[in-house]
Amino acid sequence: MSGPRDGYGRWRVAVTGVGLVCPAGRDTGALWRALLGARGTATTVTDFDTGGLTVRFACRVRGFDAGARLPAKTVRRTDPFAQYAACAALDALANARVRERGDDGGAVLCGVGGAGDHTWSAQSRALHEQGPAAVDRLTWPRALPYAAASLIARLAGRTGPCMTVSTACASGTTAIGEGTRLIRDGTCTTVLAGGTEAPVTRLSMAAFARTGALSTRNDAPERACRPFDRHRDGYVLGEGAAFVHLERLAAARARGATVLAEVAGYAQTCDAHHLTAPRPDGAVAAACITAALDDARLAPAGIRQVNAHGTGTVLNDRAETAALLRAFAGTPPPVTAPKGVLGHLMGAAGAVEAVAAALSAEHGLAPPVANYETPDPRCRLDVVSGEPREVGRGPVLSNSFGFGGHNACLVLAPPP
């Protein structure tokens, strides 16, 4: 297909810009090198007191200076989750060679799992140690989920739809998928879409650890997250953001933009099963995969590889295995899982992994899964390990399956 519209008569959607703030670095080159190297980025947390915590490590953003990209006043008035988002979004605009201001009414869609973790932690401490008068007057607007999308819209002068999406760990994927729909149906011609999360605080680490979902390998953080491995014991908390600049493929070609990928398919479902646990048989997640393939007008055999949600928890990896076996009639394509390297970036995970999927689609390589050493007989998948695998340039399925049964899938295709 080479025309401006897809097989359903909708505008085709191109990715023409990418911005990243993640544990692997600040650009696609750093992300790609980290994924191909398959080495975990988790380290022991040293910038706040971890005494008494059962988990004392995370995947952190290193060397981030919000003041190098944002006005000093903005930095003072925002939480790190909004700063990560704003820097990633502005970088996506620059990468797309689009002016930061002078917009055509384009949209902003930002996915968040939680929000304001640093603000809530600091202000709760101030309240209990110093009393109500010590609580910052900007606590509420700084910490609420809409703060990131609103900040991006103000900085970029975007006057179109400005929305915050929260579908747990599928939030970033959902934001990109819904942004794709806005372009397909003609509502918008450009969209900045992605996800952000900054959950590495003492309170959040304690809370996530209490769920039993985090790995406790404090003695070897970089080897802690091991998706689909028989000896996995949970995910590693991560932080960061990723945004993509979406526009009509025809418009991108007309202005001579570099097309990085095409968003060919998207779907979303809900397990309607449990507050945190996935539906064990994977049936509804499989339906989401199938719907995304149908949306892309692809048969299962058309997918070159799967960019799995792959959290490294026993329940999620088994449920995702069941979903893939259902959707691909027992023979899924090769499977990779970025969380072994990056940790779980929660609301940002799906956005960062969509960028990873786009890189895989273009290069025709499936990165190996970090720390995958012993196959789990309950996860009968062709998990890529050891070295990157040549799979051929072509469409990649990217899965995101979150708490509350939120499922979202994207199909990323290489530039036409």
Protein backbone atom coordinates (compact mmCIF):
# COMPACT_ATOMS: atom_id res chain seq x y z
CA MET A 1 0.00 0.00 0.00
CA SER A 2 1.47 3.36 -0.97
CA GLY A 3 -1.48 5.76 -0.96
CA PRO A 4 -2.40 8.34 1.70
CA ARG A 5 -5.26 6.21 3.07
CA ASP A 6 -5.32 2.67 4.45
CA GLY A 7 -7.50 -0.25 3.39
CA TYR A 8 -10.37 1.11 5.48
CA GLY A 9 -10.27 4.51 3.79
CA ARG A 10 -8.71 6.25 6.81
CA TRP A 11 -5.75 8.62 6.80
CA ARG A 12 -2.52 6.67 7.27
CA VAL A 13 -0.53 7.79 10.32
CA ALA A 14 3.21 8.39 10.33
CA VAL A 15 5.64 8.77 13.23
CA THR A 16 7.90 11.67 12.27
CA GLY A 17 9.47 12.57 15.61
CA VAL A 18 10.56 10.83 18.81
CA GLY A 19 11.57 12.20 22.20
CA LEU A 20 12.90 10.08 25.07
CA VAL A 21 13.83 10.45 28.70
CA CYS A 22 14.51 6.94 29.97
CA PRO A 23 17.04 4.79 31.87
CA ALA A 24 18.83 3.94 28.59
CA GLY A 25 19.39 7.60 27.65
CA ARG A 26 17.84 10.52 25.80
CA ASP A 27 17.71 9.39 22.16
CA THR A 28 16.81 6.42 19.98
CA GLY A 29 20.45 5.53 19.40
CA ALA A 30 21.07 5.08 23.12
CA LEU A 31 17.84 3.11 23.52
CA TRP A 32 18.65 0.80 20.60
CA ARG A 33 22.20 0.14 21.82
CA ALA A 34 20.93 -0.68 25.30
CA LEU A 35 18.30 -3.09 23.99
CA LEU A 36 20.74 -4.87 21.69
CA GLY A 37 23.26 -5.11 24.55
CA ALA A 38 20.59 -6.72 26.79
CA ARG A 39 22.03 -5.50 30.07
CA GLY A 40 19.74 -4.33 32.84
CA THR A 41 19.96 -0.66 33.84
CA ALA A 42 18.75 -1.09 37.42
CA THR A 43 20.96 0.28 40.19
CA THR A 44 20.77 0.71 43.97
CA VAL A 45 18.89 3.88 44.96
CA THR A 46 21.20 6.24 46.82
CA ASP A 47 19.55 9.68 46.59
CA PHE A 48 17.09 9.09 49.43
CA ASP A 49 16.87 6.89 52.51
CA THR A 50 15.97 3.30 51.62
CA GLY A 51 16.40 2.00 55.15
CA GLY A 52 13.70 -0.53 56.03
CA LEU A 53 12.59 -0.98 52.42
CA THR A 54 12.49 -4.56 51.14
CA VAL A 55 13.37 -3.31 47.64
CA ARG A 56 16.20 -0.78 47.33
CA PHE A 57 16.87 -0.50 43.60
CA ALA A 58 15.21 0.86 40.46
CA CYS A 59 15.84 1.85 36.84
CA ARG A 60 16.62 5.56 37.00
CA VAL A 61 16.92 8.43 34.54
CA ARG A 62 20.54 9.59 34.76
CA GLY A 63 21.97 13.06 34.19
CA PHE A 64 18.59 14.68 33.61
CA ASP A 65 18.59 18.47 33.89
CA ALA A 66 15.11 19.88 33.38
CA GLY A 67 16.52 23.40 33.51
CA ALA A 68 18.46 22.82 30.31
CA ARG A 69 15.19 22.47 28.38
CA LEU A 70 12.55 24.23 30.48
CA PRO A 71 12.23 27.71 32.02
CA ALA A 72 13.45 27.88 35.62
CA LYS A 73 10.02 28.98 36.85
CA THR A 74 8.43 25.96 35.15
CA VAL A 75 10.89 23.61 36.81
CA ARG A 76 10.11 25.07 40.24
CA ARG A 77 6.39 24.63 39.72
CA THR A 78 6.26 21.10 38.27
CA ASP A 79 6.72 17.53 39.41
CA PRO A 80 9.37 15.36 37.69
CA PHE A 81 6.69 13.33 35.87
CA ALA A 82 5.59 16.50 34.04
CA GLN A 83 9.19 17.60 33.44
CA TYR A 84 10.05 14.25 31.84
CA ALA A 85 6.97 14.48 29.65
CA ALA A 86 7.60 18.06 28.54
CA CYS A 87 11.24 17.46 27.63
CA ALA A 88 10.38 14.29 25.70
CA ALA A 89 7.53 16.02 23.86
CA LEU A 90 9.62 19.06 22.92
CA ASP A 91 12.38 16.75 21.71
CA ALA A 92 9.83 14.88 19.58
CA LEU A 93 8.84 18.18 17.93
CA ALA A 94 12.46 19.07 17.29
CA ASN A 95 13.14 15.58 15.90
CA ALA A 96 10.15 16.00 13.58
CA ARG A 97 11.50 19.39 12.46
CA VAL A 98 8.35 21.12 13.63
CA ARG A 99 8.42 24.49 15.36
CA GLU A 100 7.64 24.35 19.07
CA ARG A 101 5.13 27.17 18.67
CA GLY A 102 3.03 28.13 15.67
CA ASP A 103 0.86 25.03 15.82
CA ASP A 104 -2.09 24.15 13.62
CA GLY A 105 -4.31 23.16 16.54
CA GLY A 106 -2.69 19.78 17.00
CA ALA A 107 -3.49 17.54 19.96
CA VAL A 108 -1.62 16.41 23.05
CA LEU A 109 -2.34 12.98 24.55
CA CYS A 110 -0.37 12.00 27.64
CA GLY A 111 -0.56 8.63 29.36
CA VAL A 112 0.14 8.38 33.10
CA GLY A 113 -0.24 5.49 35.51
CA GLY A 114 0.13 7.57 38.65
CA ALA A 115 1.10 11.20 39.00
CA GLY A 116 2.88 13.59 41.31
CA ASP A 117 4.68 10.95 43.37
CA HIS A 118 7.53 13.29 44.29
CA THR A 119 5.14 16.11 45.16
CA TRP A 120 2.82 13.98 47.28
CA SER A 121 5.78 12.43 49.13
CA ALA A 122 7.42 15.77 49.88
CA GLN A 123 4.22 17.54 50.91
CA SER A 124 3.02 14.66 53.07
CA ARG A 125 6.32 14.81 54.90
CA ALA A 126 6.02 18.59 55.28
CA LEU A 127 2.49 18.26 56.67
CA HIS A 128 3.41 15.70 59.27
CA GLU A 129 6.70 17.28 60.31
CA GLN A 130 5.84 21.00 60.17
CA GLY A 131 2.07 21.29 59.99
CA PRO A 132 -0.50 22.55 57.42
CA ALA A 133 1.17 25.92 56.85
CA ALA A 134 4.22 24.14 55.39
CA VAL A 135 2.22 22.58 52.55
CA ASP A 136 3.00 24.27 49.23
CA ARG A 137 0.07 26.17 47.72
CA LEU A 138 0.81 24.60 44.30
CA THR A 139 0.66 21.03 45.58
CA TRP A 140 -2.64 20.23 43.89
CA PRO A 141 -2.02 21.60 40.36
CA ARG A 142 1.58 20.30 40.43
CA ALA A 143 0.63 16.73 41.31
CA LEU A 144 -2.58 15.96 39.41
CA PRO A 145 -2.45 13.75 36.28
CA TYR A 146 -3.44 16.53 33.84
CA ALA A 147 -0.37 18.59 34.74
CA ALA A 148 1.91 16.96 32.15
CA ALA A 149 -0.42 17.28 29.15
CA SER A 150 -1.32 20.85 30.11
CA LEU A 151 2.35 21.81 30.41
CA ILE A 152 3.16 20.36 26.98
CA ALA A 153 0.24 22.21 25.40
CA ARG A 154 1.37 25.52 26.92
CA LEU A 155 5.00 25.11 25.95
CA ALA A 156 4.18 24.00 22.40
CA GLY A 157 1.22 26.35 21.87
CA ARG A 158 -1.06 23.42 21.01
CA THR A 159 -4.68 24.49 21.02
CA GLY A 160 -6.35 21.26 19.89
CA PRO A 161 -7.56 18.44 22.14
CA CYS A 162 -5.43 18.07 25.29
CA MET A 163 -6.10 14.82 27.12
CA THR A 164 -4.70 12.68 29.89
CA VAL A 165 -5.09 8.93 29.56
CA SER A 166 -4.77 6.57 32.51
CA THR A 167 -5.05 2.87 31.75
CA ALA A 168 -2.44 1.70 34.25
CA CYS A 169 0.62 0.15 32.60
CA ALA A 170 -1.05 0.44 29.18
CA SER A 171 -1.38 4.24 29.40
CA GLY A 172 1.41 5.18 26.99
CA THR A 173 0.20 2.68 24.41
CA THR A 174 -3.37 3.88 24.76
CA ALA A 175 -2.32 7.51 24.29
CA ILE A 176 -0.51 6.72 21.04
CA GLY A 177 -3.41 4.57 19.82
CA GLU A 178 -6.04 7.19 20.59
CA GLY A 179 -3.83 9.86 19.01
CA THR A 180 -3.71 7.72 15.88
CA ARG A 181 -7.50 7.64 15.84
CA LEU A 182 -7.69 11.44 16.02
CA ILE A 183 -5.64 11.68 12.84
CA ARG A 184 -7.36 8.81 11.06
CA ASP A 185 -10.83 10.30 11.50
CA GLY A 186 -9.74 13.80 10.46
CA THR A 187 -10.16 15.44 13.88
CA CYS A 188 -6.48 16.48 13.95
CA THR A 189 -3.63 16.63 11.49
CA THR A 190 -0.87 16.33 14.12
CA VAL A 191 -0.70 14.76 17.59
CA LEU A 192 1.95 14.64 20.30
CA ALA A 193 1.30 11.36 22.12
CA GLY A 194 3.17 9.40 24.74
CA GLY A 195 3.48 8.51 28.39
CA THR A 196 5.35 9.55 31.50
CA GLU A 197 6.04 8.33 35.04
CA ALA A 198 8.30 9.33 37.94
CA PRO A 199 7.45 6.84 40.70
CA VAL A 200 10.83 6.28 42.35
CA THR A 201 10.20 7.69 45.82
CA ARG A 202 10.40 6.07 49.23
CA LEU A 203 6.60 5.97 49.56
CA SER A 204 5.97 4.51 46.09
CA MET A 205 8.73 1.93 46.37
CA ALA A 206 7.30 0.77 49.68
CA ALA A 207 3.78 0.63 48.23
CA PHE A 208 4.77 -1.30 45.11
CA ALA A 209 6.84 -3.71 47.19
CA ARG A 210 3.82 -4.38 49.40
CA THR A 211 1.91 -5.68 46.37
CA GLY A 212 4.51 -8.43 46.03
CA ALA A 213 5.07 -7.54 42.38
CA LEU A 214 8.66 -6.20 42.65
CA SER A 215 11.81 -8.26 42.37
CA THR A 216 13.78 -8.39 45.63
CA ARG A 217 17.23 -9.07 44.14
CA ASN A 218 18.89 -6.22 46.04
CA ASP A 219 22.31 -7.86 45.67
CA ALA A 220 22.17 -7.90 41.84
CA PRO A 221 19.83 -5.15 40.57
CA GLU A 222 20.95 -5.34 36.93
CA ARG A 223 19.99 -9.02 36.86
CA ALA A 224 16.69 -8.61 38.68
CA CYS A 225 14.12 -8.24 35.90
CA ARG A 226 14.00 -11.44 33.83
CA PRO A 227 10.88 -11.65 31.64
CA PHE A 228 9.66 -15.18 30.91
CA ASP A 229 12.60 -16.75 32.78
CA ARG A 230 11.73 -19.63 35.09
CA HIS A 231 13.42 -17.90 38.05
CA ARG A 232 11.78 -14.49 37.67
CA ASP A 233 10.50 -12.92 40.86
CA GLY A 234 8.94 -9.63 39.79
CA TYR A 235 9.50 -6.39 37.90
CA VAL A 236 11.84 -3.49 38.59
CA LEU A 237 10.35 -0.03 39.07
CA GLY A 238 11.46 2.44 36.39
CA GLU A 239 10.95 6.08 35.46
CA GLY A 240 10.96 8.22 32.34
CA ALA A 241 8.89 9.35 29.38
CA ALA A 242 8.56 8.96 25.63
CA PHE A 243 6.56 10.98 23.10
CA VAL A 244 6.03 10.61 19.38
CA HIS A 245 4.95 13.20 16.83
CA LEU A 246 2.15 11.74 14.73
CA GLU A 247 0.85 13.20 11.48
CA ARG A 248 -0.84 12.19 8.28
CA LEU A 249 1.54 10.19 6.15
CA ALA A 250 0.57 12.26 3.10
CA ALA A 251 1.38 15.50 4.93
CA ALA A 252 4.70 14.13 6.14
CA ARG A 253 5.67 13.23 2.61
CA ALA A 254 4.54 16.60 1.27
CA ARG A 255 6.77 18.53 3.69
CA GLY A 256 9.74 16.22 3.15
CA ALA A 257 9.72 14.85 6.71
CA THR A 258 11.64 11.73 7.65
CA VAL A 259 9.09 9.01 8.38
CA LEU A 260 10.35 6.84 11.24
CA ALA A 261 7.46 4.35 11.32
CA GLU A 262 3.78 3.94 10.57
CA VAL A 263 1.17 3.22 13.24
CA ALA A 264 -0.69 0.53 11.33
CA GLY A 265 -2.94 -0.99 13.99
CA TYR A 266 -4.36 -0.35 17.47
CA ALA A 267 -6.86 -1.95 19.82
CA GLN A 268 -7.87 -1.86 23.45
CA THR A 269 -9.83 -4.26 25.67
CA CYS A 270 -10.42 -4.90 29.39
CA ASP A 271 -10.19 -8.26 31.17
CA ALA A 272 -12.95 -7.21 33.61
CA HIS A 273 -11.43 -9.77 35.94
CA HIS A 274 -9.41 -8.43 38.91
CA LEU A 275 -7.97 -5.23 40.38
CA THR A 276 -4.36 -6.26 39.75
CA ALA A 277 -4.12 -9.81 38.38
CA PRO A 278 -4.55 -10.57 34.66
CA ARG A 279 -7.13 -13.03 33.41
CA PRO A 280 -5.15 -16.32 33.50
CA ASP A 281 -6.42 -17.73 30.20
CA GLY A 282 -5.38 -14.61 28.28
CA ALA A 283 -8.60 -14.70 26.26
CA VAL A 284 -9.41 -10.99 26.36
CA ALA A 285 -5.78 -9.98 25.84
CA ALA A 286 -5.74 -12.31 22.83
CA ALA A 287 -8.85 -10.57 21.52
CA CYS A 288 -6.98 -7.26 21.81
CA ILE A 289 -4.06 -8.64 19.80
CA THR A 290 -6.40 -9.99 17.13
CA ALA A 291 -8.28 -6.69 16.93
CA ALA A 292 -5.00 -4.76 16.51
CA LEU A 293 -3.97 -7.08 13.67
CA ASP A 294 -7.38 -6.67 12.06
CA ASP A 295 -7.07 -2.90 12.42
CA ALA A 296 -3.78 -3.13 10.52
CA ARG A 297 -5.33 -5.48 7.95
CA LEU A 298 -2.71 -8.09 8.78
CA ALA A 299 -2.90 -11.84 9.21
CA PRO A 300 -0.97 -13.22 12.22
CA ALA A 301 1.75 -14.47 9.85
CA GLY A 302 2.42 -10.85 8.84
CA ILE A 303 3.95 -9.98 12.24
CA ARG A 304 7.74 -10.35 12.32
CA GLN A 305 8.16 -10.20 16.10
CA VAL A 306 6.35 -9.42 19.33
CA ASN A 307 7.47 -6.65 21.65
CA ALA A 308 5.99 -8.24 24.77
CA HIS A 309 4.69 -6.52 27.88
CA GLY A 310 6.93 -9.03 29.67
CA THR A 311 6.97 -7.71 33.24
CA GLY A 312 8.93 -10.57 34.77
CA THR A 313 6.13 -11.49 37.18
CA VAL A 314 4.86 -15.07 37.28
CA LEU A 315 1.19 -14.24 36.63
CA ASN A 316 1.64 -11.62 33.89
CA ASP A 317 4.16 -13.58 31.87
CA ARG A 318 1.99 -16.70 31.93
CA ALA A 319 -1.15 -14.78 31.00
CA GLU A 320 0.64 -13.02 28.13
CA THR A 321 1.96 -16.39 26.94
CA ALA A 322 -1.60 -17.74 26.92
CA ALA A 323 -2.79 -14.69 24.97
CA LEU A 324 -0.05 -15.02 22.35
CA LEU A 325 -0.65 -18.73 21.90
CA ARG A 326 -4.36 -18.03 21.36
CA ALA A 327 -3.87 -15.12 18.97
CA PHE A 328 -1.21 -16.84 16.89
CA ALA A 329 -2.78 -20.32 16.85
CA GLY A 330 -0.02 -21.87 18.94
CA THR A 331 2.96 -20.49 16.99
CA PRO A 332 3.73 -16.88 17.92
CA PRO A 333 6.62 -15.11 16.19
CA PRO A 334 9.87 -14.43 18.09
CA VAL A 335 9.35 -12.54 21.34
CA THR A 336 11.44 -9.77 22.89
CA ALA A 337 10.76 -7.82 26.10
CA PRO A 338 12.42 -4.44 26.85
CA LYS A 339 11.67 -4.45 30.59
CA GLY A 340 14.64 -6.73 31.22
CA VAL A 341 16.80 -3.73 30.29
CA LEU A 342 14.63 -0.72 31.18
CA GLY A 343 12.54 -1.91 34.09
CA HIS A 344 8.83 -1.17 34.23
CA LEU A 345 8.18 2.48 33.46
CA MET A 346 4.51 2.06 34.37
CA GLY A 347 2.44 4.68 32.48
CA ALA A 348 5.43 5.47 30.25
CA ALA A 349 6.29 1.83 29.49
CA GLY A 350 4.05 1.41 26.46
CA ALA A 351 5.28 4.62 24.85
CA VAL A 352 8.98 3.76 25.28
CA GLU A 353 8.29 0.23 24.05
CA ALA A 354 6.39 1.54 21.02
CA VAL A 355 9.56 3.44 20.08
CA ALA A 356 11.54 0.23 20.60
CA ALA A 357 9.08 -1.64 18.37
CA ALA A 358 9.42 0.99 15.65
CA LEU A 359 13.20 0.61 15.75
CA SER A 360 12.87 -3.17 15.55
CA ALA A 361 10.49 -2.89 12.59
CA GLU A 362 12.92 -0.68 10.70
CA HIS A 363 16.09 -2.65 11.48
CA GLY A 364 14.55 -6.10 11.17
CA LEU A 365 16.19 -7.16 14.44
CA ALA A 366 14.66 -8.62 17.59
CA PRO A 367 16.73 -7.56 20.64
CA PRO A 368 17.53 -10.32 23.14
CA VAL A 369 15.68 -10.42 26.46
CA ALA A 370 18.00 -9.42 29.29
CA ASN A 371 18.57 -12.01 32.02
CA TYR A 372 16.68 -14.75 30.18
CA GLU A 373 18.61 -17.88 31.14
CA THR A 374 16.23 -20.70 32.06
CA PRO A 375 13.07 -21.22 29.97
CA ASP A 376 9.84 -21.56 31.91
CA PRO A 377 7.92 -24.61 30.65
CA ARG A 378 4.73 -22.64 31.37
CA CYS A 379 5.85 -19.93 28.90
CA ARG A 380 6.14 -21.83 25.63
CA LEU A 381 7.39 -18.93 23.52
CA ASP A 382 10.29 -18.38 21.15
CA VAL A 383 12.03 -15.90 23.46
CA VAL A 384 15.01 -14.17 21.83
CA SER A 385 18.08 -14.50 24.06
CA GLY A 386 21.84 -14.16 23.93
CA GLU A 387 22.19 -12.21 20.69
CA PRO A 388 19.91 -10.05 18.52
CA ARG A 389 18.04 -12.07 15.96
CA GLU A 390 17.49 -11.22 12.30
CA VAL A 391 13.74 -11.44 11.67
CA GLY A 392 13.40 -9.22 8.61
CA ARG A 393 12.10 -5.71 8.25
CA GLY A 394 8.35 -5.66 8.83
CA PRO A 395 5.46 -5.06 11.25
CA VAL A 396 5.97 -5.51 15.00
CA LEU A 397 3.25 -6.10 17.58
CA SER A 398 3.74 -4.14 20.82
CA ASN A 399 1.71 -5.33 23.84
CA SER A 400 0.78 -3.48 27.03
CA PHE A 401 -1.28 -5.27 29.70
CA GLY A 402 -1.87 -3.33 32.91
CA PHE A 403 -3.39 -3.53 36.36
CA GLY A 404 -7.17 -3.51 36.27
CA GLY A 405 -7.15 -5.69 33.14
CA HIS A 406 -6.28 -2.81 30.80
CA ASN A 407 -5.01 -4.24 27.52
CA ALA A 408 -3.69 -2.17 24.61
CA CYS A 409 -1.80 -3.24 21.50
CA LEU A 410 -0.10 -1.38 18.67
CA VAL A 411 1.20 -2.58 15.32
CA LEU A 412 4.22 -0.54 14.23
CA ALA A 413 5.33 -0.90 10.63
CA PRO A 414 8.58 0.33 9.05
CA PRO A 415 8.53 3.48 6.93
CA PRO A 416 6.71 2.82 3.66
